[in-house]
Each structure stands twice: as structure tokens, then as C-alpha cells.
Amino acid sequence: KAPAEHEPPIPEFVDTVIYVVGLSGLG
């Protein structure tokens, strides 16, 4: 995916961000 203007709503207190990619999309 690619985020929309309003995404992602991540609170400022977060100390770790995990961005997930599905490799089934490759190719």
C-alpha cells in the first residue's frame, strides 16, 4: 500500500514503528 493524506495516524508517544510489507506482491 501507499498511505493516503490522513494516514497513518501514529501517536507521538510511540517509540517503535513497524512497517509491514507483503512480499507476495513482488513480481
PDB file of all heavy atoms in Angstrom:
ATOM      1  N   LYS A   1       0.840  -1.193   0.000  1.00  0.00           N
ATOM      2  CA  LYS A   1       0.000   0.000   0.000  1.00  0.00           C
ATOM      3  C   LYS A   1       0.876   1.244   0.000  1.00  0.00           C
ATOM      4  O   LYS A   1       2.088   1.182   0.275  1.00  0.00           O
ATOM      5  CB  LYS A   1      -0.930   0.028   1.206  1.00  0.00           C
ATOM      6  CG  LYS A   1      -0.247   0.347   2.527  1.00  0.00           C
ATOM      7  CD  LYS A   1      -1.256   0.745   3.600  1.00  0.00           C
ATOM      8  CE  LYS A   1      -1.934   2.041   3.275  1.00  0.00           C
ATOM      9  NZ  LYS A   1      -2.901   2.480   4.298  1.00  0.00           N
ATOM     10  N   ALA A   2       0.244   2.365  -0.305  1.00  0.00           N
ATOM     11  CA  ALA A   2       0.837   3.680  -0.091  1.00  0.00           C
ATOM     12  C   ALA A   2      -0.173   4.481   0.726  1.00  0.00           C
ATOM     13  O   ALA A   2      -1.381   4.369   0.511  1.00  0.00           O
ATOM     14  CB  ALA A   2       1.128   4.367  -1.420  1.00  0.00           C
ATOM     15  N   PRO A   3       0.297   5.269   1.689  1.00  0.00           N
ATOM     16  CA  PRO A   3      -0.643   5.946   2.588  1.00  0.00           C
ATOM     17  C   PRO A   3      -1.379   7.106   1.922  1.00  0.00           C
ATOM     18  O   PRO A   3      -0.842   7.784   1.035  1.00  0.00           O
ATOM     19  CB  PRO A   3       0.258   6.450   3.722  1.00  0.00           C
ATOM     20  CG  PRO A   3       1.614   6.547   3.115  1.00  0.00           C
ATOM     21  CD  PRO A   3       1.694   5.471   2.087  1.00  0.00           C
ATOM     22  N   ALA A   4      -2.614   7.303   2.363  1.00  0.00           N
ATOM     23  CA  ALA A   4      -3.391   8.465   1.937  1.00  0.00           C
ATOM     24  C   ALA A   4      -2.962   9.682   2.751  1.00  0.00           C
ATOM     25  O   ALA A   4      -2.113   9.585   3.645  1.00  0.00           O
ATOM     26  CB  ALA A   4      -4.877   8.188   2.130  1.00  0.00           C
ATOM     27  N   GLU A   5      -3.556  10.821   2.451  1.00  0.00           N
ATOM     28  CA  GLU A   5      -3.186  12.063   3.148  1.00  0.00           C
ATOM     29  C   GLU A   5      -3.357  11.942   4.658  1.00  0.00           C
ATOM     30  O   GLU A   5      -2.560  12.467   5.429  1.00  0.00           O
ATOM     31  CB  GLU A   5      -4.034  13.233   2.621  1.00  0.00           C
ATOM     32  CG  GLU A   5      -3.578  13.784   1.284  1.00  0.00           C
ATOM     33  CD  GLU A   5      -2.194  14.390   1.341  1.00  0.00           C
ATOM     34  OE1 GLU A   5      -1.879  15.076   2.338  1.00  0.00           O
ATOM     35  OE2 GLU A   5      -1.412  14.175   0.399  1.00  0.00           O
ATOM     36  N   HIS A   6      -4.418  11.245   5.095  1.00  0.00           N
ATOM     37  CA  HIS A   6      -4.726  11.181   6.521  1.00  0.00           C
ATOM     38  C   HIS A   6      -4.036  10.014   7.224  1.00  0.00           C
ATOM     39  O   HIS A   6      -4.251   9.801   8.420  1.00  0.00           O
ATOM     40  CB  HIS A   6      -6.237  11.056   6.718  1.00  0.00           C
ATOM     41  CG  HIS A   6      -6.811   9.800   6.124  1.00  0.00           C
ATOM     42  ND1 HIS A   6      -7.070   9.670   4.780  1.00  0.00           N
ATOM     43  CD2 HIS A   6      -7.154   8.602   6.696  1.00  0.00           C
ATOM     44  CE1 HIS A   6      -7.557   8.460   4.536  1.00  0.00           C
ATOM     45  NE2 HIS A   6      -7.622   7.795   5.680  1.00  0.00           N
ATOM     46  N   GLU A   7      -3.219   9.255   6.511  1.00  0.00           N
ATOM     47  CA  GLU A   7      -2.615   8.045   7.072  1.00  0.00           C
ATOM     48  C   GLU A   7      -1.096   8.191   7.188  1.00  0.00           C
ATOM     49  O   GLU A   7      -0.484   8.946   6.434  1.00  0.00           O
ATOM     50  CB  GLU A   7      -2.915   6.838   6.173  1.00  0.00           C
ATOM     51  CG  GLU A   7      -4.350   6.426   6.101  1.00  0.00           C
ATOM     52  CD  GLU A   7      -4.502   5.227   5.175  1.00  0.00           C
ATOM     53  OE1 GLU A   7      -3.875   5.207   4.090  1.00  0.00           O
ATOM     54  OE2 GLU A   7      -5.268   4.312   5.531  1.00  0.00           O
ATOM     55  N   PRO A   8      -0.524   7.354   8.068  1.00  0.00           N
ATOM     56  CA  PRO A   8      -1.170   6.588   9.139  1.00  0.00           C
ATOM     57  C   PRO A   8      -1.258   7.435  10.405  1.00  0.00           C
ATOM     58  O   PRO A   8      -0.371   8.239  10.670  1.00  0.00           O
ATOM     59  CB  PRO A   8      -0.189   5.411   9.343  1.00  0.00           C
ATOM     60  CG  PRO A   8       1.146   5.979   8.989  1.00  0.00           C
ATOM     61  CD  PRO A   8       0.901   7.014   7.909  1.00  0.00           C
ATOM     62  N   PRO A   9      -2.339   7.287  11.173  1.00  0.00           N
ATOM     63  CA  PRO A   9      -2.457   8.036  12.428  1.00  0.00           C
ATOM     64  C   PRO A   9      -1.611   7.403  13.535  1.00  0.00           C
ATOM     65  O   PRO A   9      -2.066   6.532  14.281  1.00  0.00           O
ATOM     66  CB  PRO A   9      -3.959   7.957  12.741  1.00  0.00           C
ATOM     67  CG  PRO A   9      -4.420   6.700  12.057  1.00  0.00           C
ATOM     68  CD  PRO A   9      -3.542   6.497  10.871  1.00  0.00           C
ATOM     69  N   ILE A  10      -0.360   7.817  13.626  1.00  0.00           N
ATOM     70  CA  ILE A  10       0.578   7.267  14.614  1.00  0.00           C
ATOM     71  C   ILE A  10       0.739   8.268  15.747  1.00  0.00           C
ATOM     72  O   ILE A  10       1.183   9.404  15.530  1.00  0.00           O
ATOM     73  CB  ILE A  10       1.952   6.987  13.970  1.00  0.00           C
ATOM     74  CG1 ILE A  10       1.818   5.963  12.854  1.00  0.00           C
ATOM     75  CG2 ILE A  10       2.948   6.500  15.021  1.00  0.00           C
ATOM     76  CD1 ILE A  10       3.113   5.691  12.097  1.00  0.00           C
ATOM     77  N   PRO A  11       0.388   7.909  16.978  1.00  0.00           N
ATOM     78  CA  PRO A  11       0.532   8.843  18.102  1.00  0.00           C
ATOM     79  C   PRO A  11       1.998   9.199  18.360  1.00  0.00           C
ATOM     80  O   PRO A  11       2.903   8.388  18.129  1.00  0.00           O
ATOM     81  CB  PRO A  11      -0.062   8.066  19.285  1.00  0.00           C
ATOM     82  CG  PRO A  11      -0.923   7.007  18.669  1.00  0.00           C
ATOM     83  CD  PRO A  11      -0.260   6.650  17.385  1.00  0.00           C
ATOM     84  N   GLU A  12       2.229  10.392  18.853  1.00  0.00           N
ATOM     85  CA  GLU A  12       3.596  10.865  19.102  1.00  0.00           C
ATOM     86  C   GLU A  12       4.306  10.084  20.199  1.00  0.00           C
ATOM     87  O   GLU A  12       5.528  10.067  20.251  1.00  0.00           O
ATOM     88  CB  GLU A  12       3.571  12.355  19.475  1.00  0.00           C
ATOM     89  CG  GLU A  12       3.512  13.289  18.276  1.00  0.00           C
ATOM     90  CD  GLU A  12       4.741  13.174  17.388  1.00  0.00           C
ATOM     91  OE1 GLU A  12       5.860  13.073  17.925  1.00  0.00           O
ATOM     92  OE2 GLU A  12       4.580  13.181  16.161  1.00  0.00           O
ATOM     93  N   PHE A  13       3.547   9.436  21.081  1.00  0.00           N
ATOM     94  CA  PHE A  13       4.195   8.714  22.185  1.00  0.00           C
ATOM     95  C   PHE A  13       4.815   7.378  21.736  1.00  0.00           C
ATOM     96  O   PHE A  13       5.522   6.739  22.508  1.00  0.00           O
ATOM     97  CB  PHE A  13       3.210   8.460  23.337  1.00  0.00           C
ATOM     98  CG  PHE A  13       2.039   7.581  22.980  1.00  0.00           C
ATOM     99  CD1 PHE A  13       2.186   6.199  22.873  1.00  0.00           C
ATOM    100  CD2 PHE A  13       0.780   8.131  22.771  1.00  0.00           C
ATOM    101  CE1 PHE A  13       1.102   5.385  22.555  1.00  0.00           C
ATOM    102  CE2 PHE A  13      -0.306   7.325  22.453  1.00  0.00           C
ATOM    103  CZ  PHE A  13      -0.139   5.950  22.343  1.00  0.00           C
ATOM    104  N   VAL A  14       4.557   6.959  20.528  1.00  0.00           N
ATOM    105  CA  VAL A  14       5.056   5.670  20.041  1.00  0.00           C
ATOM    106  C   VAL A  14       6.579   5.670  20.000  1.00  0.00           C
ATOM    107  O   VAL A  14       7.193   6.628  19.525  1.00  0.00           O
ATOM    108  CB  VAL A  14       4.469   5.380  18.643  1.00  0.00           C
ATOM    109  CG1 VAL A  14       5.243   4.291  17.925  1.00  0.00           C
ATOM    110  CG2 VAL A  14       3.003   5.001  18.765  1.00  0.00           C
ATOM    111  N   ASP A  15       7.194   4.602  20.517  1.00  0.00           N
ATOM    112  CA  ASP A  15       8.658   4.513  20.487  1.00  0.00           C
ATOM    113  C   ASP A  15       9.187   3.525  19.453  1.00  0.00           C
ATOM    114  O   ASP A  15      10.384   3.452  19.208  1.00  0.00           O
ATOM    115  CB  ASP A  15       9.223   4.154  21.871  1.00  0.00           C
ATOM    116  CG  ASP A  15       8.682   2.856  22.437  1.00  0.00           C
ATOM    117  OD1 ASP A  15       8.486   1.895  21.664  1.00  0.00           O
ATOM    118  OD2 ASP A  15       8.465   2.787  23.668  1.00  0.00           O
ATOM    119  N   THR A  16       8.294   2.739  18.823  1.00  0.00           N
ATOM    120  CA  THR A  16       8.691   1.780  17.790  1.00  0.00           C
ATOM    121  C   THR A  16       7.614   1.748  16.707  1.00  0.00           C
ATOM    122  O   THR A  16       6.431   1.608  17.016  1.00  0.00           O
ATOM    123  CB  THR A  16       8.854   0.363  18.379  1.00  0.00           C
ATOM    124  OG1 THR A  16       9.805   0.385  19.445  1.00  0.00           O
ATOM    125  CG2 THR A  16       9.326  -0.613  17.308  1.00  0.00           C
ATOM    126  N   VAL A  17       8.029   1.892  15.450  1.00  0.00           N
ATOM    127  CA  VAL A  17       7.108   1.789  14.331  1.00  0.00           C
ATOM    128  C   VAL A  17       7.530   0.607  13.465  1.00  0.00           C
ATOM    129  O   VAL A  17       8.690   0.515  13.041  1.00  0.00           O
ATOM    130  CB  VAL A  17       7.072   3.075  13.492  1.00  0.00           C
ATOM    131  CG1 VAL A  17       6.201   2.877  12.248  1.00  0.00           C
ATOM    132  CG2 VAL A  17       6.545   4.239  14.316  1.00  0.00           C
ATOM    133  N   ILE A  18       6.594  -0.295  13.215  1.00  0.00           N
ATOM    134  CA  ILE A  18       6.831  -1.460  12.361  1.00  0.00           C
ATOM    135  C   ILE A  18       6.053  -1.257  11.071  1.00  0.00           C
ATOM    136  O   ILE A  18       4.824  -1.116  11.097  1.00  0.00           O
ATOM    137  CB  ILE A  18       6.378  -2.753  13.056  1.00  0.00           C
ATOM    138  CG1 ILE A  18       7.127  -2.944  14.379  1.00  0.00           C
ATOM    139  CG2 ILE A  18       6.601  -3.965  12.144  1.00  0.00           C
ATOM    140  CD1 ILE A  18       6.553  -4.055  15.253  1.00  0.00           C
ATOM    141  N   TYR A  19       6.758  -1.206   9.943  1.00  0.00           N
ATOM    142  CA  TYR A  19       6.079  -1.074   8.654  1.00  0.00           C
ATOM    143  C   TYR A  19       6.118  -2.426   7.970  1.00  0.00           C
ATOM    144  O   TYR A  19       7.191  -2.981   7.708  1.00  0.00           O
ATOM    145  CB  TYR A  19       6.750  -0.014   7.781  1.00  0.00           C
ATOM    146  CG  TYR A  19       5.859   0.426   6.635  1.00  0.00           C
ATOM    147  CD1 TYR A  19       4.999   1.514   6.782  1.00  0.00           C
ATOM    148  CD2 TYR A  19       5.853  -0.260   5.434  1.00  0.00           C
ATOM    149  CE1 TYR A  19       4.163   1.909   5.747  1.00  0.00           C
ATOM    150  CE2 TYR A  19       5.014   0.130   4.388  1.00  0.00           C
ATOM    151  CZ  TYR A  19       4.165   1.216   4.559  1.00  0.00           C
ATOM    152  OH  TYR A  19       3.331   1.594   3.538  1.00  0.00           O
ATOM    153  N   VAL A  20       4.932  -2.973   7.678  1.00  0.00           N
ATOM    154  CA  VAL A  20       4.800  -4.326   7.156  1.00  0.00           C
ATOM    155  C   VAL A  20       4.659  -4.295   5.643  1.00  0.00           C
ATOM    156  O   VAL A  20       3.904  -3.490   5.084  1.00  0.00           O
ATOM    157  CB  VAL A  20       3.590  -5.046   7.786  1.00  0.00           C
ATOM    158  CG1 VAL A  20       3.547  -6.510   7.328  1.00  0.00           C
ATOM    159  CG2 VAL A  20       3.657  -4.973   9.312  1.00  0.00           C
ATOM    160  N   VAL A  21       5.387  -5.186   4.985  1.00  0.00           N
ATOM    161  CA  VAL A  21       5.305  -5.360   3.537  1.00  0.00           C
ATOM    162  C   VAL A  21       4.988  -6.818   3.249  1.00  0.00           C
ATOM    163  O   VAL A  21       5.633  -7.717   3.807  1.00  0.00           O
ATOM    164  CB  VAL A  21       6.644  -4.976   2.863  1.00  0.00           C
ATOM    165  CG1 VAL A  21       6.670  -5.422   1.402  1.00  0.00           C
ATOM    166  CG2 VAL A  21       6.883  -3.475   2.974  1.00  0.00           C
ATOM    167  N   GLY A  22       4.033  -7.074   2.376  1.00  0.00           N
ATOM    168  CA  GLY A  22       3.732  -8.436   1.942  1.00  0.00           C
ATOM    169  C   GLY A  22       4.517  -8.768   0.682  1.00  0.00           C
ATOM    170  O   GLY A  22       4.260  -8.198  -0.388  1.00  0.00           O
ATOM    171  N   LEU A  23       5.490  -9.670   0.808  1.00  0.00           N
ATOM    172  CA  LEU A  23       6.347  -9.981  -0.341  1.00  0.00           C
ATOM    173  C   LEU A  23       5.619 -10.759  -1.434  1.00  0.00           C
ATOM    174  O   LEU A  23       6.167 -10.935  -2.526  1.00  0.00           O
ATOM    175  CB  LEU A  23       7.574 -10.757   0.126  1.00  0.00           C
ATOM    176  CG  LEU A  23       8.550  -9.983   1.020  1.00  0.00           C
ATOM    177  CD1 LEU A  23       9.767 -10.837   1.334  1.00  0.00           C
ATOM    178  CD2 LEU A  23       8.979  -8.676   0.371  1.00  0.00           C
ATOM    179  N   SER A  24       4.386 -11.196  -1.175  1.00  0.00           N
ATOM    180  CA  SER A  24       3.621 -11.844  -2.244  1.00  0.00           C
ATOM    181  C   SER A  24       3.319 -10.866  -3.373  1.00  0.00           C
ATOM    182  O   SER A  24       2.956 -11.268  -4.483  1.00  0.00           O
ATOM    183  CB  SER A  24       2.311 -12.420  -1.698  1.00  0.00           C
ATOM    184  OG  SER A  24       1.471 -11.393  -1.207  1.00  0.00           O
ATOM    185  N   GLY A  25       3.483  -9.555  -3.110  1.00  0.00           N
ATOM    186  CA  GLY A  25       3.283  -8.552  -4.148  1.00  0.00           C
ATOM    187  C   GLY A  25       4.436  -8.431  -5.123  1.00  0.00           C
ATOM    188  O   GLY A  25       4.288  -7.829  -6.193  1.00  0.00           O
ATOM    189  N   LEU A  26       5.597  -8.989  -4.779  1.00  0.00           N
ATOM    190  CA  LEU A  26       6.746  -8.909  -5.673  1.00  0.00           C
ATOM    191  C   LEU A  26       6.459  -9.612  -7.001  1.00  0.00           C
ATOM    192  O   LEU A  26       5.933 -10.733  -7.021  1.00  0.00           O
ATOM    193  CB  LEU A  26       7.975  -9.550  -5.024  1.00  0.00           C
ATOM    194  CG  LEU A  26       8.841  -8.657  -4.137  1.00  0.00           C
ATOM    195  CD1 LEU A  26       9.915  -9.483  -3.459  1.00  0.00           C
ATOM    196  CD2 LEU A  26       9.464  -7.525  -4.941  1.00  0.00           C
ATOM    197  N   GLY A  27       6.823  -8.961  -8.079  1.00  0.00           N
ATOM    198  CA  GLY A  27       6.617  -9.549  -9.406  1.00  0.00           C
ATOM    199  C   GLY A  27       5.210  -9.398  -9.944  1.00  0.00           C
ATOM    200  O   GLY A  27       4.962  -9.698 -11.119  1.00  0.00           O
TER     201      GLY A  27
END
